[in-house]
């Protein structure tokens, strides 16, 4: 679909996610859902530029380590398991997308 190509091209250009979402009349969570669908279908997205604005390296490592070892991909469970990290839904969602993109399904 059009959104998929648009999202991939804009991520390649390192456009801020809020801008991509606004340009397509999407809320950020809807954009992240589309991105997750894109990487689940095998297309890689390099979201590091956006992730680096949201989380520092230690936080990123903690979340990736969690996704490597967790039994479920549920973000609700992740939020509970990583409660001391106090991560929000968007942070966990974008890291799950990075995880899927880098480590496959």
N, C-alpha and C. Protein backbone atom coordinates (compact mmCIF):
# COMPACT_ATOMS: atom_id res chain seq x y z
N UNK A 1 0.83 -1.21 0.00
CA UNK A 1 0.00 0.00 0.00
C UNK A 1 0.87 1.26 0.00
N UNK A 2 0.26 2.37 -0.24
CA UNK A 2 1.00 3.64 -0.34
C UNK A 2 1.72 4.00 0.95
N UNK A 3 1.06 3.76 2.08
CA UNK A 3 1.68 4.09 3.35
C UNK A 3 3.00 3.34 3.53
N UNK A 4 3.01 2.07 3.15
CA UNK A 4 4.21 1.26 3.34
C UNK A 4 5.42 1.88 2.64
N UNK A 5 5.26 2.21 1.37
CA UNK A 5 6.36 2.80 0.60
C UNK A 5 6.75 4.15 1.19
N UNK A 6 5.74 4.95 1.52
CA UNK A 6 5.98 6.27 2.10
C UNK A 6 6.77 6.16 3.41
N UNK A 7 6.34 5.23 4.26
CA UNK A 7 7.02 5.04 5.55
C UNK A 7 8.46 4.60 5.33
N UNK A 8 8.68 3.62 4.47
CA UNK A 8 10.03 3.12 4.23
C UNK A 8 10.93 4.24 3.71
N UNK A 9 10.43 5.01 2.73
CA UNK A 9 11.24 6.09 2.15
C UNK A 9 11.57 7.16 3.19
N UNK A 10 10.59 7.49 4.02
CA UNK A 10 10.81 8.55 5.01
C UNK A 10 11.71 8.10 6.15
N UNK A 11 11.61 6.83 6.53
CA UNK A 11 12.54 6.30 7.53
C UNK A 11 13.96 6.31 6.97
N UNK A 12 14.10 5.94 5.68
CA UNK A 12 15.42 5.99 5.05
C UNK A 12 16.01 7.40 5.10
N UNK A 13 15.15 8.40 5.00
CA UNK A 13 15.59 9.81 5.05
C UNK A 13 15.72 10.32 6.47
N UNK A 14 15.43 9.45 7.45
CA UNK A 14 15.52 9.81 8.87
C UNK A 14 14.58 10.97 9.25
N UNK A 15 13.39 10.95 8.66
CA UNK A 15 12.37 11.95 9.00
C UNK A 15 11.80 11.60 10.39
N UNK A 16 11.60 12.60 11.26
CA UNK A 16 11.03 12.31 12.59
C UNK A 16 9.69 11.57 12.46
N UNK A 17 9.49 10.59 13.35
CA UNK A 17 8.29 9.76 13.26
C UNK A 17 7.02 10.59 13.40
N UNK A 18 7.06 11.60 14.26
CA UNK A 18 5.87 12.45 14.43
C UNK A 18 5.51 13.12 13.10
N UNK A 19 6.53 13.52 12.34
CA UNK A 19 6.31 14.18 11.05
C UNK A 19 5.71 13.19 10.05
N UNK A 20 6.27 11.98 10.00
CA UNK A 20 5.74 10.96 9.09
C UNK A 20 4.27 10.70 9.43
N UNK A 21 3.99 10.54 10.72
CA UNK A 21 2.61 10.27 11.15
C UNK A 21 1.69 11.42 10.76
N UNK A 22 2.12 12.64 11.05
CA UNK A 22 1.28 13.82 10.76
C UNK A 22 1.00 13.92 9.25
N UNK A 23 2.03 13.68 8.44
CA UNK A 23 1.87 13.79 6.99
C UNK A 23 0.89 12.77 6.43
N UNK A 24 0.70 11.68 7.14
CA UNK A 24 -0.24 10.65 6.69
C UNK A 24 -1.52 10.64 7.53
N UNK A 25 -1.72 11.69 8.34
CA UNK A 25 -2.90 11.77 9.22
C UNK A 25 -3.02 10.55 10.13
N UNK A 26 -1.89 10.11 10.65
CA UNK A 26 -1.88 8.98 11.57
C UNK A 26 -1.46 9.46 12.95
N UNK A 27 -1.95 8.77 13.98
CA UNK A 27 -1.39 8.96 15.31
C UNK A 27 -0.10 8.15 15.37
N UNK A 28 0.80 8.53 16.28
CA UNK A 28 2.09 7.84 16.38
C UNK A 28 1.89 6.34 16.61
N UNK A 29 0.92 5.97 17.46
CA UNK A 29 0.75 4.54 17.72
C UNK A 29 0.28 3.79 16.47
N UNK A 30 -0.53 4.45 15.65
CA UNK A 30 -0.97 3.83 14.39
C UNK A 30 0.21 3.67 13.43
N UNK A 31 1.08 4.69 13.40
CA UNK A 31 2.28 4.60 12.56
C UNK A 31 3.15 3.43 13.01
N UNK A 32 3.34 3.30 14.32
CA UNK A 32 4.17 2.21 14.85
C UNK A 32 3.54 0.85 14.51
N UNK A 33 2.22 0.77 14.55
CA UNK A 33 1.55 -0.48 14.15
C UNK A 33 1.87 -0.81 12.70
N UNK A 34 1.79 0.20 11.83
CA UNK A 34 2.11 -0.02 10.41
C UNK A 34 3.56 -0.47 10.25
N UNK A 35 4.45 0.17 11.00
CA UNK A 35 5.87 -0.19 10.92
C UNK A 35 6.10 -1.63 11.37
N UNK A 36 5.38 -2.03 12.41
CA UNK A 36 5.54 -3.41 12.88
C UNK A 36 5.08 -4.39 11.82
N UNK A 37 3.99 -4.06 11.13
CA UNK A 37 3.50 -4.90 10.03
C UNK A 37 4.55 -4.99 8.92
N UNK A 38 5.18 -3.87 8.63
CA UNK A 38 6.21 -3.82 7.58
C UNK A 38 7.37 -4.75 7.93
N UNK A 39 7.89 -4.65 9.17
CA UNK A 39 9.03 -5.51 9.51
C UNK A 39 8.61 -6.96 9.69
N UNK A 40 7.37 -7.20 10.11
CA UNK A 40 6.90 -8.58 10.26
C UNK A 40 6.83 -9.27 8.90
N UNK A 41 6.65 -8.47 7.84
CA UNK A 41 6.59 -9.06 6.50
C UNK A 41 7.97 -9.21 5.87
N UNK A 42 9.01 -8.87 6.64
CA UNK A 42 10.37 -9.14 6.18
C UNK A 42 11.15 -7.93 5.70
N UNK A 43 10.55 -6.76 5.68
CA UNK A 43 11.27 -5.55 5.28
C UNK A 43 11.97 -4.96 6.50
N UNK A 44 13.24 -4.64 6.35
CA UNK A 44 13.96 -4.05 7.48
C UNK A 44 13.74 -2.53 7.51
N UNK A 45 13.57 -2.00 8.72
CA UNK A 45 13.50 -0.55 8.91
C UNK A 45 14.58 -0.18 9.91
N UNK A 46 15.40 0.79 9.57
CA UNK A 46 16.41 1.25 10.51
C UNK A 46 15.86 2.46 11.25
N UNK A 47 15.36 2.22 12.44
CA UNK A 47 14.72 3.26 13.24
C UNK A 47 15.67 3.81 14.31
N UNK A 48 16.96 3.50 14.19
CA UNK A 48 17.89 3.92 15.24
C UNK A 48 17.89 5.42 15.46
N UNK A 49 17.74 6.19 14.38
CA UNK A 49 17.74 7.64 14.51
C UNK A 49 16.60 8.12 15.42
N UNK A 50 15.45 7.46 15.32
CA UNK A 50 14.29 7.83 16.13
C UNK A 50 14.43 7.27 17.55
N UNK A 51 14.94 6.05 17.63
CA UNK A 51 15.11 5.39 18.93
C UNK A 51 16.12 6.17 19.78
N UNK A 52 17.18 6.66 19.16
CA UNK A 52 18.20 7.39 19.92
C UNK A 52 17.66 8.66 20.56
N UNK A 53 16.58 9.21 19.99
CA UNK A 53 15.93 10.37 20.60
C UNK A 53 15.07 9.98 21.80
N UNK A 54 14.66 8.70 21.86
CA UNK A 54 13.71 8.25 22.87
C UNK A 54 14.37 7.53 24.04
N UNK A 55 15.50 6.87 23.78
CA UNK A 55 16.11 5.98 24.77
C UNK A 55 17.63 6.05 24.66
N UNK A 56 18.32 5.99 25.79
CA UNK A 56 19.78 5.93 25.72
C UNK A 56 20.24 4.49 25.47
N UNK A 57 21.53 4.33 25.25
CA UNK A 57 22.06 3.01 24.85
C UNK A 57 21.76 1.93 25.89
N UNK A 58 21.91 2.27 27.17
CA UNK A 58 21.67 1.28 28.22
C UNK A 58 20.21 0.83 28.23
N UNK A 59 19.32 1.79 28.05
CA UNK A 59 17.90 1.45 28.01
C UNK A 59 17.59 0.56 26.81
N UNK A 60 18.17 0.92 25.67
CA UNK A 60 17.96 0.11 24.46
C UNK A 60 18.46 -1.31 24.68
N UNK A 61 19.63 -1.45 25.28
CA UNK A 61 20.20 -2.78 25.54
C UNK A 61 19.29 -3.58 26.47
N UNK A 62 18.78 -2.91 27.50
CA UNK A 62 17.92 -3.60 28.46
C UNK A 62 16.67 -4.15 27.77
N UNK A 63 16.06 -3.34 26.93
CA UNK A 63 14.83 -3.76 26.27
C UNK A 63 15.10 -4.87 25.25
N UNK A 64 16.18 -4.73 24.46
CA UNK A 64 16.53 -5.77 23.48
C UNK A 64 16.84 -7.08 24.20
N UNK A 65 17.58 -7.01 25.30
CA UNK A 65 17.88 -8.22 26.06
C UNK A 65 16.59 -8.87 26.55
N UNK A 66 15.65 -8.04 26.98
CA UNK A 66 14.36 -8.58 27.42
C UNK A 66 13.67 -9.32 26.26
N UNK A 67 13.57 -8.67 25.10
CA UNK A 67 12.88 -9.30 23.98
C UNK A 67 13.58 -10.57 23.51
N UNK A 68 14.89 -10.63 23.70
CA UNK A 68 15.64 -11.85 23.31
C UNK A 68 15.24 -13.04 24.16
N UNK A 69 14.87 -12.78 25.40
CA UNK A 69 14.66 -13.88 26.34
C UNK A 69 13.20 -14.08 26.73
N UNK A 70 12.31 -13.18 26.33
CA UNK A 70 10.93 -13.27 26.80
C UNK A 70 10.17 -14.38 26.09
N UNK A 71 9.14 -14.86 26.74
CA UNK A 71 8.31 -15.93 26.18
C UNK A 71 7.18 -15.37 25.33
N UNK A 72 6.84 -14.11 25.55
CA UNK A 72 5.71 -13.51 24.85
C UNK A 72 6.14 -12.16 24.29
N UNK A 73 5.55 -11.78 23.18
CA UNK A 73 5.88 -10.48 22.61
C UNK A 73 4.92 -9.40 23.11
N UNK A 74 4.12 -9.75 24.11
CA UNK A 74 3.16 -8.80 24.66
C UNK A 74 3.87 -7.57 25.25
N UNK A 75 3.44 -6.40 24.79
CA UNK A 75 4.03 -5.17 25.35
C UNK A 75 3.56 -4.93 26.77
N UNK A 76 2.36 -5.41 27.09
CA UNK A 76 1.86 -5.25 28.45
C UNK A 76 2.75 -6.03 29.42
N UNK A 77 3.09 -7.27 29.04
CA UNK A 77 3.98 -8.07 29.87
C UNK A 77 5.35 -7.39 29.96
N UNK A 78 5.83 -6.89 28.82
CA UNK A 78 7.13 -6.20 28.81
C UNK A 78 7.12 -5.02 29.78
N UNK A 79 6.04 -4.25 29.77
CA UNK A 79 5.97 -3.10 30.66
C UNK A 79 6.02 -3.53 32.12
N UNK A 80 5.37 -4.66 32.43
CA UNK A 80 5.40 -5.16 33.81
C UNK A 80 6.80 -5.69 34.16
N UNK A 81 7.38 -6.46 33.25
CA UNK A 81 8.69 -7.06 33.51
C UNK A 81 9.78 -6.00 33.63
N UNK A 82 9.62 -4.92 32.87
CA UNK A 82 10.62 -3.85 32.85
C UNK A 82 10.14 -2.64 33.65
N UNK A 83 9.33 -2.92 34.67
CA UNK A 83 8.65 -1.83 35.39
C UNK A 83 9.63 -0.81 35.95
N UNK A 84 10.79 -1.29 36.41
CA UNK A 84 11.75 -0.33 36.99
C UNK A 84 12.32 0.60 35.93
N UNK A 85 12.25 0.17 34.68
CA UNK A 85 12.72 1.02 33.60
C UNK A 85 11.73 2.13 33.28
N UNK A 86 10.46 1.91 33.66
CA UNK A 86 9.43 2.93 33.49
C UNK A 86 9.30 3.35 32.02
N UNK A 87 9.30 2.38 31.13
CA UNK A 87 9.21 2.69 29.71
C UNK A 87 7.75 2.88 29.29
N UNK A 88 7.52 3.76 28.34
CA UNK A 88 6.16 3.93 27.85
C UNK A 88 5.91 2.99 26.66
N UNK A 89 4.65 2.93 26.24
CA UNK A 89 4.24 2.01 25.19
C UNK A 89 5.01 2.26 23.90
N UNK A 90 5.16 3.55 23.53
CA UNK A 90 5.85 3.87 22.28
C UNK A 90 7.30 3.39 22.32
N UNK A 91 7.96 3.58 23.46
CA UNK A 91 9.36 3.16 23.57
C UNK A 91 9.48 1.64 23.41
N UNK A 92 8.60 0.91 24.05
CA UNK A 92 8.66 -0.55 23.95
C UNK A 92 8.27 -1.02 22.55
N UNK A 93 7.28 -0.36 21.97
CA UNK A 93 6.81 -0.74 20.63
C UNK A 93 7.93 -0.53 19.61
N UNK A 94 8.58 0.62 19.66
CA UNK A 94 9.61 0.90 18.66
C UNK A 94 10.81 -0.04 18.85
N UNK A 95 11.08 -0.41 20.09
CA UNK A 95 12.17 -1.36 20.33
C UNK A 95 11.78 -2.76 19.86
N UNK A 96 10.50 -3.12 19.97
CA UNK A 96 10.09 -4.42 19.45
C UNK A 96 10.21 -4.43 17.93
N UNK A 97 9.90 -3.30 17.30
CA UNK A 97 10.06 -3.20 15.85
C UNK A 97 11.53 -3.35 15.48
N UNK A 98 12.41 -2.68 16.21
CA UNK A 98 13.85 -2.80 15.97
C UNK A 98 14.29 -4.26 16.15
N UNK A 99 13.80 -4.88 17.22
CA UNK A 99 14.14 -6.26 17.50
C UNK A 99 13.70 -7.17 16.34
N UNK A 100 12.46 -7.02 15.90
CA UNK A 100 11.95 -7.84 14.79
C UNK A 100 12.76 -7.60 13.52
N UNK A 101 13.11 -6.33 13.30
CA UNK A 101 13.83 -5.96 12.09
C UNK A 101 15.25 -6.55 12.10
N UNK A 102 15.89 -6.56 13.27
CA UNK A 102 17.28 -6.99 13.35
C UNK A 102 17.43 -8.48 13.60
N UNK A 103 16.51 -9.07 14.36
CA UNK A 103 16.69 -10.46 14.76
C UNK A 103 15.70 -11.40 14.10
N UNK A 104 14.82 -10.83 13.25
CA UNK A 104 13.85 -11.70 12.56
C UNK A 104 12.77 -12.18 13.48
N UNK A 105 11.87 -12.98 12.95
CA UNK A 105 10.71 -13.42 13.73
C UNK A 105 10.98 -14.72 14.47
